[in-house]
Amino acid sequence: MKFDNLLTGFIPEPQGRDGLALAVLLARQAGAHLTVATVKPPAPGGLGPARADASAWAAYLEEQATAALAQARELVGEDADYITHTHKGSGRGLVELARKRGASAVVIGSAPGGNIGRIVLGSTADQLLHASPVPVILAPRGYADDPPPALDRLTVAYRRGPCADAAVKRAARLAGVMDLPLRLVTLLVSSARPVKVELDMLARLRDQATADLNSAARGHRRRTDVEVELLEGRSVAGALQHGRWAPGELVICASSDAGPLRRVFLGDTSIKIVRAATCPVMILARTP
């Protein structure tokens, strides 16, 4: 997986700084070029007196975009490109920019309103997660307040299938590029009812999941260190809580097998992982 050209959307708000902090960390560790973009809405057209109002509004929007990029430049310095793009939707605008600039991934922060350390999917993320041709990386709320000095490990949420197997291959290549260990985890959601038939089924699922994890890890250990872990709980969030998480963790999720090719498309489990994770999450675009 190429990871040499990162794009991050920035607004002068806490979520913009969270995404920017993560993008800077990723670019530095991967040796990637960074582009910081702000997406501004188009000014309305008009005739007569309305035209003057539209011109004033356009000037205001340009002024706000310039101020936003100036703030980003103060945080990052000159080791990035800074651009303004016009589009009605911020997420769709970032999708356009990702295509135009050949971005390897798009990085944004969490929508406001959630708990510190968690990810909330707002309209920008929703647009990206249904249309982006490249991976989308989400920073949890408050990430910029105390970012780790570096990433420590990549963790792939694995469930046997074509998209998950492709995700492991791409993550292993990225781990090699970034000199990071790789972990594969499978989440096993179980009920609390001690019924024998359910306990027997759960035991079989554990055995199968363990075999699948070991099979997926086999062959990648020549490229990087790979470990496997089965996380069990009564919900996706509960299973994640039983895992060991490094301060500089990045979780990687595959797109749904049902999604369109070369697009990011979240399945139900991936959505739950994004909402329950306490570290950044990358969602890969589906590949052939």
Protein backbone atom coordinates (compact mmCIF):
# COMPACT_ATOMS: atom_id res chain seq x y z
CA MET A 1 0.00 0.00 0.00
CA LYS A 2 1.40 3.39 -1.00
CA PHE A 3 1.54 5.87 1.82
CA ASP A 4 3.56 8.70 0.39
CA ASN A 5 1.00 11.47 -0.13
CA LEU A 6 -1.36 12.35 2.73
CA LEU A 7 -4.26 14.78 2.57
CA THR A 8 -5.86 16.26 5.68
CA GLY A 9 -8.89 18.49 5.89
CA PHE A 10 -8.47 21.37 8.32
CA ILE A 11 -10.85 23.76 10.04
CA PRO A 12 -9.82 26.11 12.89
CA GLU A 13 -11.64 24.02 15.47
CA PRO A 14 -10.50 21.29 17.90
CA GLN A 15 -11.45 18.51 15.44
CA GLY A 16 -9.36 20.18 12.76
CA ARG A 17 -6.34 20.27 15.07
CA ASP A 18 -6.89 16.61 16.03
CA GLY A 19 -6.82 15.49 12.40
CA LEU A 20 -3.83 17.71 11.67
CA ALA A 21 -1.84 16.31 14.60
CA LEU A 22 -2.46 12.75 13.41
CA ALA A 23 -1.64 13.63 9.80
CA VAL A 24 1.65 15.22 10.83
CA LEU A 25 2.59 12.16 12.91
CA LEU A 26 1.75 9.79 10.05
CA ALA A 27 3.56 11.85 7.43
CA ARG A 28 6.67 12.13 9.57
CA GLN A 29 6.82 8.42 10.38
CA ALA A 30 6.05 7.24 6.84
CA GLY A 31 8.18 9.86 5.12
CA ALA A 32 5.07 11.04 3.25
CA HIS A 33 4.26 14.40 1.72
CA LEU A 34 1.46 16.26 3.49
CA THR A 35 -1.21 18.49 1.97
CA VAL A 36 -3.41 20.54 4.30
CA ALA A 37 -6.71 21.60 2.73
CA THR A 38 -9.66 23.67 3.79
CA VAL A 39 -12.91 23.23 1.88
CA LYS A 40 -15.06 26.35 1.56
CA PRO A 41 -18.61 26.51 0.19
CA PRO A 42 -19.25 28.26 -3.11
CA ALA A 43 -20.61 31.79 -2.98
CA PRO A 44 -24.17 32.13 -4.28
CA GLY A 45 -24.66 33.78 -7.65
CA GLY A 46 -26.98 36.68 -8.26
CA LEU A 47 -27.91 39.66 -10.39
CA GLY A 48 -28.30 43.33 -9.52
CA PRO A 49 -27.98 44.12 -5.80
CA ALA A 50 -27.74 40.41 -5.05
CA ARG A 51 -24.52 40.28 -7.07
CA ALA A 52 -22.83 42.75 -4.71
CA ASP A 53 -23.94 40.69 -1.73
CA ALA A 54 -22.58 37.55 -3.39
CA SER A 55 -19.23 39.23 -4.02
CA ALA A 56 -19.01 40.31 -0.40
CA TRP A 57 -19.88 36.80 0.76
CA ALA A 58 -17.28 35.28 -1.59
CA ALA A 59 -14.64 37.63 -0.18
CA TYR A 60 -15.64 36.65 3.35
CA LEU A 61 -15.38 32.92 2.57
CA GLU A 62 -11.95 33.42 1.02
CA GLU A 63 -10.81 35.40 4.03
CA GLN A 64 -11.98 32.64 6.39
CA ALA A 65 -10.20 29.97 4.33
CA THR A 66 -6.99 31.99 4.28
CA ALA A 67 -7.14 32.45 8.05
CA ALA A 68 -7.72 28.71 8.57
CA LEU A 69 -4.69 27.77 6.49
CA ALA A 70 -2.60 30.40 8.27
CA GLN A 71 -3.46 28.74 11.58
CA ALA A 72 -2.55 25.32 10.17
CA ARG A 73 0.75 26.71 8.90
CA GLU A 74 1.56 28.00 12.38
CA LEU A 75 1.02 24.49 13.75
CA VAL A 76 2.88 22.57 11.05
CA GLY A 77 5.36 24.96 9.46
CA GLU A 78 6.50 24.90 5.86
CA ASP A 79 6.81 21.12 5.50
CA ALA A 80 3.40 20.85 3.82
CA ASP A 81 1.30 22.23 0.97
CA TYR A 82 -1.67 24.43 1.89
CA ILE A 83 -4.63 24.67 -0.47
CA THR A 84 -8.23 25.88 -0.58
CA HIS A 85 -10.90 23.91 -2.42
CA THR A 86 -14.47 24.94 -3.14
CA HIS A 87 -17.33 22.47 -2.74
CA LYS A 88 -20.80 22.36 -1.19
CA GLY A 89 -19.86 19.40 1.01
CA SER A 90 -16.59 19.26 2.95
CA GLY A 91 -16.33 15.47 2.68
CA ARG A 92 -17.13 15.40 -1.02
CA GLY A 93 -14.66 18.22 -1.55
CA LEU A 94 -11.94 16.14 0.10
CA VAL A 95 -12.89 13.21 -2.13
CA GLU A 96 -12.38 15.43 -5.19
CA LEU A 97 -9.03 16.64 -3.87
CA ALA A 98 -7.88 13.10 -3.07
CA ARG A 99 -8.50 12.13 -6.69
CA LYS A 100 -6.92 15.25 -8.16
CA ARG A 101 -3.79 15.10 -6.05
CA GLY A 102 -3.35 11.33 -6.03
CA ALA A 103 -3.57 11.14 -2.25
CA SER A 104 -2.68 7.91 -0.48
CA ALA A 105 -5.15 8.59 2.36
CA VAL A 106 -7.36 11.30 3.82
CA VAL A 107 -7.05 12.23 7.51
CA ILE A 108 -9.72 14.08 9.52
CA GLY A 109 -10.71 14.54 13.14
CA SER A 110 -13.82 13.40 14.98
CA ALA A 111 -17.03 15.37 14.75
CA PRO A 112 -17.72 17.45 17.88
CA GLY A 113 -19.97 16.33 20.70
CA GLY A 114 -18.47 12.98 21.62
CA ASN A 115 -16.39 11.88 24.59
CA ILE A 116 -12.68 12.65 24.76
CA GLY A 117 -10.72 9.82 23.18
CA ARG A 118 -13.62 8.59 21.02
CA ILE A 119 -14.64 9.08 17.40
CA VAL A 120 -17.95 10.56 16.32
CA LEU A 121 -18.94 10.26 12.67
CA GLY A 122 -20.25 13.58 11.39
CA SER A 123 -21.32 14.67 7.92
CA THR A 124 -17.75 15.09 6.63
CA ALA A 125 -16.78 11.59 7.71
CA ASP A 126 -20.05 10.18 6.39
CA GLN A 127 -19.38 11.63 2.94
CA LEU A 128 -15.82 10.31 2.95
CA LEU A 129 -16.80 6.88 4.23
CA HIS A 130 -19.21 6.37 1.34
CA ALA A 131 -17.20 7.79 -1.53
CA SER A 132 -13.47 8.05 -0.85
CA PRO A 133 -11.28 6.15 -3.34
CA VAL A 134 -8.47 6.00 -0.76
CA PRO A 135 -8.28 5.03 2.93
CA VAL A 136 -9.85 7.39 5.46
CA ILE A 137 -8.10 7.87 8.80
CA LEU A 138 -10.04 9.26 11.76
CA ALA A 139 -8.48 10.86 14.84
CA PRO A 140 -10.35 10.61 18.15
CA ARG A 141 -11.51 13.74 19.93
CA GLY A 142 -8.73 15.41 21.90
CA TYR A 143 -5.93 13.68 19.98
CA ALA A 144 -4.03 16.94 19.46
CA ASP A 145 -3.95 17.64 23.20
CA ASP A 146 -1.54 14.79 23.93
CA PRO A 147 -0.45 12.99 20.76
CA PRO A 148 2.02 10.10 21.08
CA PRO A 149 5.56 10.81 19.87
CA ALA A 150 5.16 8.09 17.25
CA LEU A 151 2.96 5.20 16.22
CA ASP A 152 3.78 2.00 18.12
CA ARG A 153 1.78 -0.65 16.25
CA LEU A 154 -0.78 -1.35 13.54
CA THR A 155 -3.75 -3.51 14.49
CA VAL A 156 -6.02 -5.04 11.84
CA ALA A 157 -9.57 -5.95 12.81
CA TYR A 158 -9.74 -9.33 11.08
CA ARG A 159 -12.63 -11.55 10.08
CA ARG A 160 -11.85 -14.09 7.38
CA GLY A 161 -12.94 -12.91 3.96
CA PRO A 162 -11.52 -11.39 0.74
CA CYS A 163 -11.53 -7.79 2.00
CA ALA A 164 -10.01 -8.67 5.37
CA ASP A 165 -7.30 -10.83 3.74
CA ALA A 166 -6.47 -7.97 1.38
CA ALA A 167 -6.37 -5.60 4.37
CA VAL A 168 -3.79 -7.80 6.10
CA LYS A 169 -1.55 -7.73 3.03
CA ARG A 170 -1.80 -3.95 2.75
CA ALA A 171 -1.26 -3.45 6.48
CA ALA A 172 1.79 -5.73 6.43
CA ARG A 173 3.33 -3.65 3.64
CA LEU A 174 2.59 -0.44 5.54
CA ALA A 175 4.03 -1.89 8.75
CA GLY A 176 7.19 -2.72 6.84
CA VAL A 177 7.44 0.81 5.43
CA MET A 178 6.88 2.38 8.86
CA ASP A 179 8.99 -0.20 10.73
CA LEU A 180 6.10 -1.14 13.01
CA PRO A 181 4.85 -4.44 14.45
CA LEU A 182 1.52 -5.72 13.18
CA ARG A 183 -1.27 -7.32 15.17
CA LEU A 184 -4.36 -9.13 13.89
CA VAL A 185 -7.37 -9.22 16.20
CA THR A 186 -10.71 -10.94 15.82
CA LEU A 187 -13.66 -9.78 17.89
CA LEU A 188 -15.86 -12.54 19.23
CA VAL A 189 -19.19 -11.28 20.54
CA SER A 190 -20.94 -13.70 22.89
CA SER A 191 -23.98 -13.73 25.14
CA ALA A 192 -23.75 -14.25 28.88
CA ARG A 193 -26.20 -17.17 28.92
CA PRO A 194 -24.54 -20.39 30.17
CA VAL A 195 -26.57 -22.64 27.87
CA LYS A 196 -24.64 -25.74 26.78
CA VAL A 197 -25.49 -25.46 23.10
CA GLU A 198 -24.31 -21.83 23.06
CA LEU A 199 -21.17 -22.67 25.01
CA ASP A 200 -20.35 -25.47 22.58
CA MET A 201 -20.92 -23.16 19.61
CA LEU A 202 -18.77 -20.48 21.21
CA ALA A 203 -15.95 -22.97 21.74
CA ARG A 204 -16.07 -23.93 18.06
CA LEU A 205 -16.07 -20.26 17.05
CA ARG A 206 -13.01 -19.64 19.23
CA ASP A 207 -11.15 -22.52 17.61
CA GLN A 208 -12.10 -21.39 14.12
CA ALA A 209 -11.23 -17.74 14.80
CA THR A 210 -7.84 -18.73 16.24
CA ALA A 211 -7.10 -20.91 13.22
CA ASP A 212 -8.14 -18.10 10.86
CA LEU A 213 -5.92 -15.59 12.66
CA ASN A 214 -2.89 -17.85 12.55
CA SER A 215 -3.50 -18.60 8.89
CA ALA A 216 -3.79 -14.89 8.05
CA ALA A 217 -0.59 -14.06 9.92
CA ARG A 218 1.39 -16.86 8.28
CA GLY A 219 3.66 -15.61 5.54
CA HIS A 220 3.72 -11.98 6.71
CA ARG A 221 6.18 -12.49 9.55
CA ARG A 222 9.10 -12.25 7.11
CA ARG A 223 8.10 -8.63 6.45
CA THR A 224 7.37 -7.50 10.01
CA ASP A 225 6.57 -8.80 13.49
CA VAL A 226 3.01 -10.17 13.50
CA GLU A 227 1.02 -11.23 16.55
CA VAL A 228 -2.57 -12.44 16.81
CA GLU A 229 -5.18 -11.94 19.52
CA LEU A 230 -8.78 -13.03 20.02
CA LEU A 231 -10.86 -10.46 21.89
CA GLU A 232 -14.14 -11.56 23.41
CA GLY A 233 -16.98 -9.60 24.96
CA ARG A 234 -20.75 -9.18 25.06
CA SER A 235 -20.47 -6.39 22.47
CA VAL A 236 -17.90 -4.99 20.06
CA ALA A 237 -17.07 -2.27 22.60
CA GLY A 238 -16.75 -4.87 25.36
CA ALA A 239 -14.45 -7.04 23.26
CA LEU A 240 -12.20 -4.06 22.45
CA GLN A 241 -11.92 -3.25 26.15
CA HIS A 242 -10.30 -6.65 26.73
CA GLY A 243 -7.47 -5.84 24.32
CA ARG A 244 -4.03 -4.46 25.09
CA TRP A 245 -3.66 -1.09 23.37
CA ALA A 246 -0.40 0.78 22.88
CA PRO A 247 -0.31 4.59 23.28
CA GLY A 248 0.52 4.94 19.58
CA GLU A 249 -1.94 2.38 18.21
CA LEU A 250 -3.62 2.62 14.80
CA VAL A 251 -6.55 0.30 14.08
CA ILE A 252 -7.16 -0.74 10.48
CA CYS A 253 -10.57 -1.89 9.24
CA ALA A 254 -11.44 -3.29 5.84
CA SER A 255 -14.38 -1.96 3.89
CA SER A 256 -17.48 -4.11 3.69
CA ASP A 257 -17.39 -6.92 1.12
CA ALA A 258 -20.73 -5.56 -0.11
CA GLY A 259 -19.35 -2.10 -0.90
CA PRO A 260 -18.34 -0.79 -4.34
CA LEU A 261 -14.84 -1.45 -5.63
CA ARG A 262 -12.17 1.19 -5.02
CA ARG A 263 -14.37 2.94 -2.49
CA VAL A 264 -14.51 3.08 1.28
CA PHE A 265 -17.72 1.53 2.58
CA LEU A 266 -18.28 0.77 6.26
CA GLY A 267 -20.03 -2.39 7.39
CA ASP A 268 -21.93 -2.71 10.67
CA THR A 269 -19.00 -4.17 12.63
CA SER A 270 -16.55 -1.57 11.35
CA ILE A 271 -18.93 1.23 12.35
CA LYS A 272 -19.09 -0.23 15.87
CA ILE A 273 -15.30 -0.48 16.00
CA VAL A 274 -14.90 3.15 14.92
CA ARG A 275 -17.33 4.32 17.59
CA ALA A 276 -15.80 2.20 20.35
CA ALA A 277 -12.10 2.64 19.54
CA THR A 278 -9.93 4.81 21.79
CA CYS A 279 -7.24 5.33 19.15
CA PRO A 280 -7.14 6.46 15.50
CA VAL A 281 -8.87 4.20 12.98
CA MET A 282 -8.06 3.72 9.29
CA ILE A 283 -10.76 2.37 6.97
CA LEU A 284 -9.38 0.94 3.75
CA ALA A 285 -10.98 1.32 0.35
CA ARG A 286 -12.19 -1.94 -1.18
CA THR A 287 -9.82 -3.31 -3.80
CA PRO A 288 -10.45 -5.89 -6.57
